[in-house]
Amino acid sequence: MAAVAPITPEEQEELREAFAKIEEEKVAFVNWINKALEKDADCKHVLPMDPNSDDLFTAMGDGIDLMKLSPEELLLRWANYHLEAAGGPKISNFSSDIKDSKAYYNLLNQVAPKGDEEGIPPIAIDMTGLREKDDVKRAECMLDQADRLGARQFVMPTDVVRGNPKLNLAFVANLFNKNWMNSLGVNPRVNHLYADIDDALVIFQLYEKIKVRVDWDQVNKPPYPKLGSNMKKLGKDVAKYTLNILEDLGDGQKVTDDTIVSWDLSISSSMPVLDLIDSIQPGSIRYDLYAISMARKIGARVYALPEDLVEIKPKMVMTVFACLMARGMKRA
């Protein structure tokens, strides 16, 4: 039998570090489960778990396998937890069960700030919209309240009334993401899911909340250094190239940021974007759906939000056309 080479001191140190990392991740995961599911009736018999023991593995053996839950199932659990606390009926889906907006009203009322966190004023949800007899008007009133929480994205009143499952799932997911982050006391408060976490400072705070150590000396914090000359040049080149393409499409008419703003109502209706998508892939547009959604459907990697078109933000509008331009050139 061949002799096994002894482990060197360096290899022993690497093994110690690897095991320490595994243990650190286990502790963080157990702490997160204890906090996120502390009031879940299905988990009551195994929580809280001791992060310094093998409780996690015992609980998994007892049938708690969160990884098998779909995003919809996880969000249903979260929504029903709050609906039960509100004394209202639970829901079993994000389509037929939410069409009358009543579940959404109760959910918003439960997650709205109550003023018990320092520096965060209370937001009292106006429930009078529940008296609306028309489903669409009731949904519009509900979304007005969601807007006060910065969570109106992804759905229109008709999407709620029609019970569009994908868009309603996105609506609730957005509400969930911001609510659980804010419930952990991050600063600044997350009002816009993408814009408010784009520098990752909130993410680092969340790491600390679940007991993952953050070396803040290694974190790039504001005020941020200015972009280097190469990055500035790249940004200018991309902007110039996009404007040139738009000029070509406009038979040589000069296009600037001011030109985009002057399109005003035309852009805010999203019709130019929809028409451009249809010209790239004829027959692909369903004009009853969102421009941004349809752009992504044909493979354009658009990262702007619907409200960027509605509010006519020049730079974000330009990125939409740039992404569509890139997709159109691939198909040419």
C-alpha atoms as a PDB file:
ATOM      1  CA  MET A   1       0.000   0.000   0.000  1.00  0.00           C
ATOM      2  CA  ALA A   2       1.358   3.385  -0.970  1.00  0.00           C
ATOM      3  CA  ALA A   3       2.284   5.667   1.880  1.00  0.00           C
ATOM      4  CA  VAL A   4       0.128   8.740   2.376  1.00  0.00           C
ATOM      5  CA  ALA A   5       2.070  11.982   2.440  1.00  0.00           C
ATOM      6  CA  PRO A   6       1.737  13.860   5.744  1.00  0.00           C
ATOM      7  CA  ILE A   7      -0.317  17.057   5.767  1.00  0.00           C
ATOM      8  CA  THR A   8       1.896  20.120   5.759  1.00  0.00           C
ATOM      9  CA  PRO A   9       1.377  22.967   8.259  1.00  0.00           C
ATOM     10  CA  GLU A  10       0.149  25.149   5.388  1.00  0.00           C
ATOM     11  CA  GLU A  11      -2.466  22.544   4.402  1.00  0.00           C
ATOM     12  CA  GLN A  12      -3.552  22.190   8.030  1.00  0.00           C
ATOM     13  CA  GLU A  13      -4.092  25.940   8.217  1.00  0.00           C
ATOM     14  CA  GLU A  14      -6.131  25.882   4.974  1.00  0.00           C
ATOM     15  CA  LEU A  15      -8.311  23.091   6.388  1.00  0.00           C
ATOM     16  CA  ARG A  16      -8.851  25.008   9.624  1.00  0.00           C
ATOM     17  CA  GLU A  17      -9.886  28.099   7.655  1.00  0.00           C
ATOM     18  CA  ALA A  18     -12.239  26.050   5.448  1.00  0.00           C
ATOM     19  CA  PHE A  19     -13.965  24.436   8.436  1.00  0.00           C
ATOM     20  CA  ALA A  20     -14.192  27.786  10.198  1.00  0.00           C
ATOM     21  CA  LYS A  21     -15.880  29.279   7.135  1.00  0.00           C
ATOM     22  CA  ILE A  22     -18.394  26.408   6.971  1.00  0.00           C
ATOM     23  CA  GLU A  23     -19.187  26.860  10.652  1.00  0.00           C
ATOM     24  CA  GLU A  24     -19.563  30.626  10.198  1.00  0.00           C
ATOM     25  CA  GLU A  25     -22.013  30.132   7.324  1.00  0.00           C
ATOM     26  CA  LYS A  26     -23.999  27.580   9.343  1.00  0.00           C
ATOM     27  CA  VAL A  27     -24.331  29.997  12.263  1.00  0.00           C
ATOM     28  CA  ALA A  28     -25.449  32.823   9.940  1.00  0.00           C
ATOM     29  CA  PHE A  29     -28.025  30.604   8.235  1.00  0.00           C
ATOM     30  CA  VAL A  30     -29.461  29.346  11.549  1.00  0.00           C
ATOM     31  CA  ASN A  31     -29.759  32.907  12.875  1.00  0.00           C
ATOM     32  CA  TRP A  32     -31.549  33.960   9.690  1.00  0.00           C
ATOM     33  CA  ILE A  33     -34.018  31.040   9.888  1.00  0.00           C
ATOM     34  CA  ASN A  34     -34.712  31.755  13.558  1.00  0.00           C
ATOM     35  CA  LYS A  35     -35.603  35.374  12.774  1.00  0.00           C
ATOM     36  CA  ALA A  36     -37.431  34.879   9.466  1.00  0.00           C
ATOM     37  CA  LEU A  37     -39.579  31.940  10.612  1.00  0.00           C
ATOM     38  CA  GLU A  38     -39.951  32.633  14.327  1.00  0.00           C
ATOM     39  CA  LYS A  39     -43.741  32.988  14.005  1.00  0.00           C
ATOM     40  CA  ASP A  40     -44.317  30.352  11.320  1.00  0.00           C
ATOM     41  CA  ALA A  41     -46.721  27.766  12.728  1.00  0.00           C
ATOM     42  CA  ASP A  42     -45.226  24.992  10.594  1.00  0.00           C
ATOM     43  CA  CYS A  43     -41.790  25.526  12.136  1.00  0.00           C
ATOM     44  CA  LYS A  44     -42.836  26.160  15.729  1.00  0.00           C
ATOM     45  CA  HIS A  45     -41.797  22.695  16.925  1.00  0.00           C
ATOM     46  CA  VAL A  46     -38.137  23.098  15.889  1.00  0.00           C
ATOM     47  CA  LEU A  47     -37.484  26.797  16.432  1.00  0.00           C
ATOM     48  CA  PRO A  48     -35.464  28.497  17.713  1.00  0.00           C
ATOM     49  CA  MET A  49     -32.439  26.434  16.749  1.00  0.00           C
ATOM     50  CA  ASP A  50     -29.116  26.649  18.564  1.00  0.00           C
ATOM     51  CA  PRO A  51     -26.545  27.946  16.027  1.00  0.00           C
ATOM     52  CA  ASN A  52     -23.748  26.247  17.971  1.00  0.00           C
ATOM     53  CA  SER A  53     -25.294  22.776  17.759  1.00  0.00           C
ATOM     54  CA  ASP A  54     -26.479  20.389  15.048  1.00  0.00           C
ATOM     55  CA  ASP A  55     -30.085  21.593  15.348  1.00  0.00           C
ATOM     56  CA  LEU A  56     -30.049  22.743  11.723  1.00  0.00           C
ATOM     57  CA  PHE A  57     -29.381  19.246  10.409  1.00  0.00           C
ATOM     58  CA  THR A  58     -31.877  17.665  12.790  1.00  0.00           C
ATOM     59  CA  ALA A  59     -34.568  20.097  11.651  1.00  0.00           C
ATOM     60  CA  MET A  60     -33.834  19.353   8.002  1.00  0.00           C
ATOM     61  CA  GLY A  61     -34.210  15.678   8.765  1.00  0.00           C
ATOM     62  CA  ASP A  62     -37.583  16.459  10.329  1.00  0.00           C
ATOM     63  CA  GLY A  63     -38.862  17.662   6.971  1.00  0.00           C
ATOM     64  CA  ILE A  64     -38.121  21.383   6.910  1.00  0.00           C
ATOM     65  CA  ASP A  65     -36.505  21.809   3.534  1.00  0.00           C
ATOM     66  CA  LEU A  66     -36.916  25.420   2.565  1.00  0.00           C
ATOM     67  CA  MET A  67     -34.982  24.955  -0.639  1.00  0.00           C
ATOM     68  CA  LYS A  68     -37.861  22.909  -2.044  1.00  0.00           C
ATOM     69  CA  LEU A  69     -40.301  25.790  -1.661  1.00  0.00           C
ATOM     70  CA  SER A  70     -40.936  27.796  -4.816  1.00  0.00           C
ATOM     71  CA  PRO A  71     -40.747  31.613  -4.681  1.00  0.00           C
ATOM     72  CA  GLU A  72     -44.554  31.706  -4.884  1.00  0.00           C
ATOM     73  CA  GLU A  73     -44.895  29.317  -1.928  1.00  0.00           C
ATOM     74  CA  LEU A  74     -42.481  31.361   0.176  1.00  0.00           C
ATOM     75  CA  LEU A  75     -44.318  34.595  -0.644  1.00  0.00           C
ATOM     76  CA  LEU A  76     -47.687  32.978   0.087  1.00  0.00           C
ATOM     77  CA  ARG A  77     -46.397  31.970   3.526  1.00  0.00           C
ATOM     78  CA  TRP A  78     -45.197  35.493   4.184  1.00  0.00           C
ATOM     79  CA  ALA A  79     -48.421  37.109   2.937  1.00  0.00           C
ATOM     80  CA  ASN A  80     -50.643  34.705   4.882  1.00  0.00           C
ATOM     81  CA  TYR A  81     -48.674  35.309   8.068  1.00  0.00           C
ATOM     82  CA  HIS A  82     -49.541  39.021   7.828  1.00  0.00           C
ATOM     83  CA  LEU A  83     -53.108  38.382   6.652  1.00  0.00           C
ATOM     84  CA  GLU A  84     -53.707  36.121   9.637  1.00  0.00           C
ATOM     85  CA  ALA A  85     -52.310  38.802  11.939  1.00  0.00           C
ATOM     86  CA  ALA A  86     -54.733  41.268  10.325  1.00  0.00           C
ATOM     87  CA  GLY A  87     -57.652  38.952  11.045  1.00  0.00           C
ATOM     88  CA  GLY A  88     -58.466  38.536   7.367  1.00  0.00           C
ATOM     89  CA  PRO A  89     -58.860  35.441   5.187  1.00  0.00           C
ATOM     90  CA  LYS A  90     -55.743  33.779   3.809  1.00  0.00           C
ATOM     91  CA  ILE A  91     -55.010  33.410   0.099  1.00  0.00           C
ATOM     92  CA  SER A  92     -53.890  30.382  -1.883  1.00  0.00           C
ATOM     93  CA  ASN A  93     -52.649  32.135  -5.038  1.00  0.00           C
ATOM     94  CA  PHE A  94     -51.732  35.494  -6.538  1.00  0.00           C
ATOM     95  CA  SER A  95     -54.425  35.387  -9.194  1.00  0.00           C
ATOM     96  CA  SER A  96     -58.089  34.744  -8.334  1.00  0.00           C
ATOM     97  CA  ASP A  97     -57.654  35.362  -4.599  1.00  0.00           C
ATOM     98  CA  ILE A  98     -56.359  38.917  -4.959  1.00  0.00           C
ATOM     99  CA  LYS A  99     -58.658  40.227  -7.714  1.00  0.00           C
ATOM    100  CA  ASP A 100     -60.810  42.273  -5.326  1.00  0.00           C
ATOM    101  CA  SER A 101     -57.707  43.958  -3.765  1.00  0.00           C
ATOM    102  CA  LYS A 102     -58.969  43.227  -0.231  1.00  0.00           C
ATOM    103  CA  ALA A 103     -56.070  40.931   0.659  1.00  0.00           C
ATOM    104  CA  TYR A 104     -53.634  43.553  -0.630  1.00  0.00           C
ATOM    105  CA  TYR A 105     -55.247  46.237   1.529  1.00  0.00           C
ATOM    106  CA  ASN A 106     -54.800  44.094   4.646  1.00  0.00           C
ATOM    107  CA  LEU A 107     -51.224  43.217   3.669  1.00  0.00           C
ATOM    108  CA  LEU A 108     -50.254  46.862   3.113  1.00  0.00           C
ATOM    109  CA  ASN A 109     -51.860  47.864   6.401  1.00  0.00           C
ATOM    110  CA  GLN A 110     -49.824  45.229   8.245  1.00  0.00           C
ATOM    111  CA  VAL A 111     -46.407  46.027   6.775  1.00  0.00           C
ATOM    112  CA  ALA A 112     -46.719  49.836   6.772  1.00  0.00           C
ATOM    113  CA  PRO A 113     -44.380  51.575   9.273  1.00  0.00           C
ATOM    114  CA  LYS A 114     -46.093  52.037  12.623  1.00  0.00           C
ATOM    115  CA  GLY A 115     -43.734  54.706  13.949  1.00  0.00           C
ATOM    116  CA  ASP A 116     -42.075  52.370  16.444  1.00  0.00           C
ATOM    117  CA  GLU A 117     -38.666  52.665  14.745  1.00  0.00           C
ATOM    118  CA  GLU A 118     -36.553  55.709  15.508  1.00  0.00           C
ATOM    119  CA  GLY A 119     -36.447  58.187  12.643  1.00  0.00           C
ATOM    120  CA  ILE A 120     -39.150  56.387  10.612  1.00  0.00           C
ATOM    121  CA  PRO A 121     -42.526  58.165  10.682  1.00  0.00           C
ATOM    122  CA  PRO A 122     -45.703  56.088  10.678  1.00  0.00           C
ATOM    123  CA  ILE A 123     -47.675  55.636   7.458  1.00  0.00           C
ATOM    124  CA  ALA A 124     -51.381  55.127   8.049  1.00  0.00           C
ATOM    125  CA  ILE A 125     -52.910  53.174   5.175  1.00  0.00           C
ATOM    126  CA  ASP A 126     -56.199  54.702   4.017  1.00  0.00           C
ATOM    127  CA  MET A 127     -58.612  51.743   3.978  1.00  0.00           C
ATOM    128  CA  THR A 128     -61.614  53.707   2.680  1.00  0.00           C
ATOM    129  CA  GLY A 129     -60.943  52.438  -0.835  1.00  0.00           C
ATOM    130  CA  LEU A 130     -62.358  49.086   0.279  1.00  0.00           C
ATOM    131  CA  ARG A 131     -65.799  50.682  -0.020  1.00  0.00           C
ATOM    132  CA  GLU A 132     -65.361  51.170  -3.768  1.00  0.00           C
ATOM    133  CA  LYS A 133     -67.866  48.980  -5.586  1.00  0.00           C
ATOM    134  CA  ASP A 134     -65.931  48.959  -8.853  1.00  0.00           C
ATOM    135  CA  ASP A 135     -63.035  46.457  -8.767  1.00  0.00           C
ATOM    136  CA  VAL A 136     -60.752  48.562 -10.982  1.00  0.00           C
ATOM    137  CA  LYS A 137     -61.326  51.732  -8.948  1.00  0.00           C
ATOM    138  CA  ARG A 138     -60.748  49.757  -5.746  1.00  0.00           C
ATOM    139  CA  ALA A 139     -57.483  48.400  -7.178  1.00  0.00           C
ATOM    140  CA  GLU A 140     -56.413  51.936  -8.137  1.00  0.00           C
ATOM    141  CA  CYS A 141     -57.062  53.158  -4.584  1.00  0.00           C
ATOM    142  CA  MET A 142     -55.077  50.212  -3.216  1.00  0.00           C
ATOM    143  CA  LEU A 143     -52.130  50.949  -5.504  1.00  0.00           C
ATOM    144  CA  ASP A 144     -52.196  54.590  -4.395  1.00  0.00           C
ATOM    145  CA  GLN A 145     -51.593  53.309  -0.872  1.00  0.00           C
ATOM    146  CA  ALA A 146     -48.859  50.951  -2.094  1.00  0.00           C
ATOM    147  CA  ASP A 147     -47.222  53.970  -3.734  1.00  0.00           C
ATOM    148  CA  ARG A 148     -46.990  55.635  -0.321  1.00  0.00           C
ATOM    149  CA  LEU A 149     -44.801  52.685   0.718  1.00  0.00           C
ATOM    150  CA  GLY A 150     -42.772  52.982  -2.498  1.00  0.00           C
ATOM    151  CA  ALA A 151     -44.123  49.633  -3.677  1.00  0.00           C
ATOM    152  CA  ARG A 152     -46.447  50.281  -6.606  1.00  0.00           C
ATOM    153  CA  GLN A 153     -44.181  48.721  -9.227  1.00  0.00           C
ATOM    154  CA  PHE A 154     -45.080  45.987 -11.725  1.00  0.00           C
ATOM    155  CA  VAL A 155     -48.889  46.125 -11.734  1.00  0.00           C
ATOM    156  CA  MET A 156     -51.681  48.325 -13.005  1.00  0.00           C
ATOM    157  CA  PRO A 157     -55.218  48.190 -11.578  1.00  0.00           C
ATOM    158  CA  THR A 158     -56.335  45.993 -14.476  1.00  0.00           C
ATOM    159  CA  ASP A 159     -53.522  43.515 -13.735  1.00  0.00           C
ATOM    160  CA  VAL A 160     -54.868  43.103 -10.220  1.00  0.00           C
ATOM    161  CA  VAL A 161     -58.486  42.723 -11.344  1.00  0.00           C
ATOM    162  CA  ARG A 162     -57.563  40.245 -14.086  1.00  0.00           C
ATOM    163  CA  GLY A 163     -55.448  38.290 -11.616  1.00  0.00           C
ATOM    164  CA  ASN A 164     -52.281  38.288 -13.731  1.00  0.00           C
ATOM    165  CA  PRO A 165     -50.239  35.768 -11.676  1.00  0.00           C
ATOM    166  CA  LYS A 166     -46.738  36.760 -12.815  1.00  0.00           C
ATOM    167  CA  LEU A 167     -47.160  40.499 -12.401  1.00  0.00           C
ATOM    168  CA  ASN A 168     -48.914  40.114  -9.052  1.00  0.00           C
ATOM    169  CA  LEU A 169     -46.163  37.779  -7.868  1.00  0.00           C
ATOM    170  CA  ALA A 170     -43.612  40.464  -8.816  1.00  0.00           C
ATOM    171  CA  PHE A 171     -45.666  43.097  -6.969  1.00  0.00           C
ATOM    172  CA  VAL A 172     -45.738  41.056  -3.749  1.00  0.00           C
ATOM    173  CA  ALA A 173     -42.068  40.059  -4.110  1.00  0.00           C
ATOM    174  CA  ASN A 174     -41.101  43.726  -4.303  1.00  0.00           C
ATOM    175  CA  LEU A 175     -43.177  44.496  -1.214  1.00  0.00           C
ATOM    176  CA  PHE A 176     -41.613  41.544   0.610  1.00  0.00           C
ATOM    177  CA  ASN A 177     -38.034  42.451  -0.289  1.00  0.00           C
ATOM    178  CA  LYS A 178     -38.335  46.016   0.930  1.00  0.00           C
ATOM    179  CA  ASN A 179     -40.339  45.089   4.019  1.00  0.00           C
ATOM    180  CA  TRP A 180     -37.938  42.486   5.379  1.00  0.00           C
ATOM    181  CA  MET A 181     -34.934  44.699   4.717  1.00  0.00           C
ATOM    182  CA  ASN A 182     -36.506  47.674   6.458  1.00  0.00           C
ATOM    183  CA  SER A 183     -37.765  45.499   9.319  1.00  0.00           C
ATOM    184  CA  LEU A 184     -34.116  44.760  10.151  1.00  0.00           C
ATOM    185  CA  GLY A 185     -33.411  48.465  10.602  1.00  0.00           C
ATOM    186  CA  VAL A 186     -31.140  49.166   7.632  1.00  0.00           C
ATOM    187  CA  ASN A 187     -30.074  52.764   7.095  1.00  0.00           C
ATOM    188  CA  PRO A 188     -31.001  54.447   4.834  1.00  0.00           C
ATOM    189  CA  ARG A 189     -34.451  52.914   4.507  1.00  0.00           C
ATOM    190  CA  VAL A 190     -35.051  51.013   1.246  1.00  0.00           C
ATOM    191  CA  ASN A 191     -37.760  52.772  -0.771  1.00  0.00           C
ATOM    192  CA  HIS A 192     -36.715  51.741  -4.276  1.00  0.00           C
ATOM    193  CA  LEU A 193     -35.483  48.169  -4.353  1.00  0.00           C
ATOM    194  CA  TYR A 194     -32.921  48.536  -7.139  1.00  0.00           C
ATOM    195  CA  ALA A 195     -31.715  52.116  -6.776  1.00  0.00           C
ATOM    196  CA  ASP A 196     -31.403  52.047  -2.985  1.00  0.00           C
ATOM    197  CA  ILE A 197     -29.178  48.961  -2.808  1.00  0.00           C
ATOM    198  CA  ASP A 198     -27.022  49.578  -5.869  1.00  0.00           C
ATOM    199  CA  ASP A 199     -23.972  50.542  -3.767  1.00  0.00           C
ATOM    200  CA  ALA A 200     -24.337  47.309  -1.668  1.00  0.00           C
ATOM    201  CA  LEU A 201     -24.115  49.181   1.671  1.00  0.00           C
ATOM    202  CA  VAL A 202     -27.562  47.913   2.652  1.00  0.00           C
ATOM    203  CA  ILE A 203     -26.534  44.380   1.677  1.00  0.00           C
ATOM    204  CA  PHE A 204     -23.512  44.605   3.990  1.00  0.00           C
ATOM    205  CA  GLN A 205     -25.787  45.761   6.826  1.00  0.00           C
ATOM    206  CA  LEU A 206     -28.007  42.728   6.186  1.00  0.00           C
ATOM    207  CA  TYR A 207     -24.932  40.497   6.431  1.00  0.00           C
ATOM    208  CA  GLU A 208     -24.282  41.902   9.888  1.00  0.00           C
ATOM    209  CA  LYS A 209     -27.917  41.399  10.902  1.00  0.00           C
ATOM    210  CA  ILE A 210     -27.563  37.665  10.253  1.00  0.00           C
ATOM    211  CA  LYS A 211     -24.225  37.552  12.081  1.00  0.00           C
ATOM    212  CA  VAL A 212     -21.880  37.560   9.080  1.00  0.00           C
ATOM    213  CA  ARG A 213     -18.842  39.678   9.891  1.00  0.00           C
ATOM    214  CA  VAL A 214     -18.204  42.645   7.610  1.00  0.00           C
ATOM    215  CA  ASP A 215     -14.798  44.288   7.403  1.00  0.00           C
ATOM    216  CA  TRP A 216     -15.981  47.857   6.898  1.00  0.00           C
ATOM    217  CA  ASP A 217     -12.415  49.034   6.334  1.00  0.00           C
ATOM    218  CA  GLN A 218     -12.521  47.131   3.037  1.00  0.00           C
ATOM    219  CA  VAL A 219     -15.900  48.584   1.975  1.00  0.00           C
ATOM    220  CA  ASN A 220     -15.986  51.484  -0.458  1.00  0.00           C
ATOM    221  CA  LYS A 221     -18.187  54.067   1.275  1.00  0.00           C
ATOM    222  CA  PRO A 222     -19.462  57.466   0.126  1.00  0.00           C
ATOM    223  CA  PRO A 223     -18.360  59.983  -0.910  1.00  0.00           C
ATOM    224  CA  TYR A 224     -17.205  57.830  -3.791  1.00  0.00           C
ATOM    225  CA  PRO A 225     -14.155  58.745  -5.896  1.00  0.00           C
ATOM    226  CA  LYS A 226     -14.902  60.129  -9.313  1.00  0.00           C
ATOM    227  CA  LEU A 227     -14.845  57.768 -12.270  1.00  0.00           C
ATOM    228  CA  GLY A 228     -11.519  57.404 -13.982  1.00  0.00           C
ATOM    229  CA  SER A 229     -10.945  59.067 -17.328  1.00  0.00           C
ATOM    230  CA  ASN A 230     -11.286  55.763 -19.208  1.00  0.00           C
ATOM    231  CA  MET A 231     -14.702  55.057 -17.645  1.00  0.00           C
ATOM    232  CA  LYS A 232     -15.847  58.591 -18.404  1.00  0.00           C
ATOM    233  CA  LYS A 233     -14.707  58.217 -22.005  1.00  0.00           C
ATOM    234  CA  LEU A 234     -16.493  54.865 -22.310  1.00  0.00           C
ATOM    235  CA  GLY A 235     -19.732  56.383 -20.986  1.00  0.00           C
ATOM    236  CA  LYS A 236     -19.502  59.292 -23.413  1.00  0.00           C
ATOM    237  CA  ASP A 237     -18.766  56.931 -26.322  1.00  0.00           C
ATOM    238  CA  VAL A 238     -21.799  54.753 -25.516  1.00  0.00           C
ATOM    239  CA  ALA A 239     -24.055  57.798 -25.232  1.00  0.00           C
ATOM    240  CA  LYS A 240     -22.713  59.259 -28.475  1.00  0.00           C
ATOM    241  CA  TYR A 241     -23.114  55.953 -30.306  1.00  0.00           C
ATOM    242  CA  THR A 242     -26.706  55.563 -29.109  1.00  0.00           C
ATOM    243  CA  LEU A 243     -27.610  59.104 -30.159  1.00  0.00           C
ATOM    244  CA  ASN A 244     -26.029  58.505 -33.568  1.00  0.00           C
ATOM    245  CA  ILE A 245     -28.182  55.414 -34.061  1.00  0.00           C
ATOM    246  CA  LEU A 246     -31.285  57.369 -33.104  1.00  0.00           C
ATOM    247  CA  GLU A 247     -30.285  60.084 -35.589  1.00  0.00           C
ATOM    248  CA  ASP A 248     -29.960  57.460 -38.328  1.00  0.00           C
ATOM    249  CA  LEU A 249     -33.424  56.180 -37.486  1.00  0.00           C
ATOM    250  CA  GLY A 250     -34.699  59.748 -37.692  1.00  0.00           C
ATOM    251  CA  ASP A 251     -33.296  60.415 -41.186  1.00  0.00           C
ATOM    252  CA  GLY A 252     -30.416  62.512 -39.868  1.00  0.00           C
ATOM    253  CA  GLN A 253     -32.358  64.678 -37.432  1.00  0.00           C
ATOM    254  CA  LYS A 254     -30.047  65.595 -34.524  1.00  0.00           C
ATOM    255  CA  VAL A 255     -30.957  63.868 -31.242  1.00  0.00           C
ATOM    256  CA  THR A 256     -29.899  65.091 -27.765  1.00  0.00           C
ATOM    257  CA  ASP A 257     -31.078  64.571 -24.175  1.00  0.00           C
ATOM    258  CA  ASP A 258     -33.389  67.549 -24.694  1.00  0.00           C
ATOM    259  CA  THR A 259     -34.814  65.866 -27.775  1.00  0.00           C
ATOM    260  CA  ILE A 260     -35.706  62.798 -25.712  1.00  0.00           C
ATOM    261  CA  VAL A 261     -37.403  64.968 -23.094  1.00  0.00           C
ATOM    262  CA  SER A 262     -39.308  66.798 -25.864  1.00  0.00           C
ATOM    263  CA  TRP A 263     -40.812  63.468 -26.958  1.00  0.00           C
ATOM    264  CA  ASP A 264     -42.668  63.767 -23.621  1.00  0.00           C
ATOM    265  CA  LEU A 265     -46.126  62.220 -23.887  1.00  0.00           C
ATOM    266  CA  SER A 266     -45.050  59.999 -26.742  1.00  0.00           C
ATOM    267  CA  ILE A 267     -42.303  58.341 -24.665  1.00  0.00           C
ATOM    268  CA  SER A 268     -44.358  58.245 -21.477  1.00  0.00           C
ATOM    269  CA  SER A 269     -47.007  56.183 -23.285  1.00  0.00           C
ATOM    270  CA  SER A 270     -44.269  53.655 -24.241  1.00  0.00           C
ATOM    271  CA  MET A 271     -45.652  53.439 -27.773  1.00  0.00           C
ATOM    272  CA  PRO A 272     -42.345  54.355 -29.531  1.00  0.00           C
ATOM    273  CA  VAL A 273     -40.584  51.557 -27.634  1.00  0.00           C
ATOM    274  CA  LEU A 274     -43.332  49.071 -28.503  1.00  0.00           C
ATOM    275  CA  ASP A 275     -43.230  50.075 -32.178  1.00  0.00           C
ATOM    276  CA  LEU A 276     -39.460  49.697 -32.244  1.00  0.00           C
ATOM    277  CA  ILE A 277     -39.679  46.226 -30.685  1.00  0.00           C
ATOM    278  CA  ASP A 278     -42.278  45.212 -33.265  1.00  0.00           C
ATOM    279  CA  SER A 279     -40.023  46.402 -36.067  1.00  0.00           C
ATOM    280  CA  ILE A 280     -37.147  44.304 -34.699  1.00  0.00           C
ATOM    281  CA  GLN A 281     -39.316  41.208 -34.302  1.00  0.00           C
ATOM    282  CA  PRO A 282     -42.565  41.650 -36.274  1.00  0.00           C
ATOM    283  CA  GLY A 283     -45.664  40.246 -34.623  1.00  0.00           C
ATOM    284  CA  SER A 284     -44.018  39.963 -31.201  1.00  0.00           C
ATOM    285  CA  ILE A 285     -45.935  42.781 -29.548  1.00  0.00           C
ATOM    286  CA  ARG A 286     -49.101  42.379 -27.563  1.00  0.00           C
ATOM    287  CA  TYR A 287     -50.098  45.985 -27.118  1.00  0.00           C
ATOM    288  CA  ASP A 288     -51.958  45.226 -23.897  1.00  0.00           C
ATOM    289  CA  LEU A 289     -48.675  44.386 -22.105  1.00  0.00           C
ATOM    290  CA  TYR A 290     -45.783  46.520 -20.905  1.00  0.00           C
ATOM    291  CA  ALA A 291     -43.117  47.857 -23.215  1.00  0.00           C
ATOM    292  CA  ILE A 292     -40.328  46.920 -20.802  1.00  0.00           C
ATOM    293  CA  SER A 293     -41.679  43.373 -20.385  1.00  0.00           C
ATOM    294  CA  MET A 294     -41.984  42.932 -24.146  1.00  0.00           C
ATOM    295  CA  ALA A 295     -38.451  44.240 -24.689  1.00  0.00           C
ATOM    296  CA  ARG A 296     -37.115  41.604 -22.320  1.00  0.00           C
ATOM    297  CA  LYS A 297     -39.273  38.976 -23.984  1.00  0.00           C
ATOM    298  CA  ILE A 298     -37.471  39.398 -27.317  1.00  0.00           C
ATOM    299  CA  GLY A 299     -34.099  39.130 -25.573  1.00  0.00           C
ATOM    300  CA  ALA A 300     -33.173  42.777 -25.012  1.00  0.00           C
ATOM    301  CA  ARG A 301     -31.329  43.080 -21.702  1.00  0.00           C
ATOM    302  CA  VAL A 302     -33.257  46.104 -20.499  1.00  0.00           C
ATOM    303  CA  TYR A 303     -32.650  47.101 -16.886  1.00  0.00           C
ATOM    304  CA  ALA A 304     -34.714  50.286 -16.856  1.00  0.00           C
ATOM    305  CA  LEU A 305     -38.030  50.269 -15.012  1.00  0.00           C
ATOM    306  CA  PRO A 306     -41.480  51.120 -16.438  1.00  0.00           C
ATOM    307  CA  GLU A 307     -41.598  54.333 -14.426  1.00  0.00           C
ATOM    308  CA  ASP A 308     -38.376  55.476 -16.133  1.00  0.00           C
ATOM    309  CA  LEU A 309     -40.367  55.720 -19.366  1.00  0.00           C
ATOM    310  CA  VAL A 310     -43.422  57.233 -17.700  1.00  0.00           C
ATOM    311  CA  GLU A 311     -41.282  59.888 -15.971  1.00  0.00           C
ATOM    312  CA  ILE A 312     -39.149  60.356 -19.117  1.00  0.00           C
ATOM    313  CA  LYS A 313     -35.739  60.024 -17.502  1.00  0.00           C
ATOM    314  CA  PRO A 314     -33.428  60.804 -20.459  1.00  0.00           C
ATOM    315  CA  LYS A 315     -30.488  58.601 -19.502  1.00  0.00           C
ATOM    316  CA  MET A 316     -32.669  55.599 -18.664  1.00  0.00           C
ATOM    317  CA  VAL A 317     -34.730  56.094 -21.835  1.00  0.00           C
ATOM    318  CA  MET A 318     -31.475  56.104 -23.772  1.00  0.00           C
ATOM    319  CA  THR A 319     -30.459  52.764 -22.230  1.00  0.00           C
ATOM    320  CA  VAL A 320     -33.755  51.221 -23.394  1.00  0.00           C
ATOM    321  CA  PHE A 321     -33.079  52.247 -26.975  1.00  0.00           C
ATOM    322  CA  ALA A 322     -29.443  51.176 -26.678  1.00  0.00           C
ATOM    323  CA  CYS A 323     -30.457  47.691 -25.495  1.00  0.00           C
ATOM    324  CA  LEU A 324     -33.025  47.391 -28.276  1.00  0.00           C
ATOM    325  CA  MET A 325     -30.438  48.594 -30.761  1.00  0.00           C
ATOM    326  CA  ALA A 326     -28.040  45.882 -29.628  1.00  0.00           C
ATOM    327  CA  ARG A 327     -30.761  43.256 -29.929  1.00  0.00           C
ATOM    328  CA  GLY A 328     -31.779  44.505 -33.374  1.00  0.00           C
ATOM    329  CA  MET A 329     -28.180  44.387 -34.642  1.00  0.00           C
ATOM    330  CA  LYS A 330     -27.887  40.757 -33.480  1.00  0.00           C
ATOM    331  CA  ARG A 331     -30.964  39.848 -35.504  1.00  0.00           C
ATOM    332  CA  ALA A 332     -29.815  41.738 -38.606  1.00  0.00           C
END
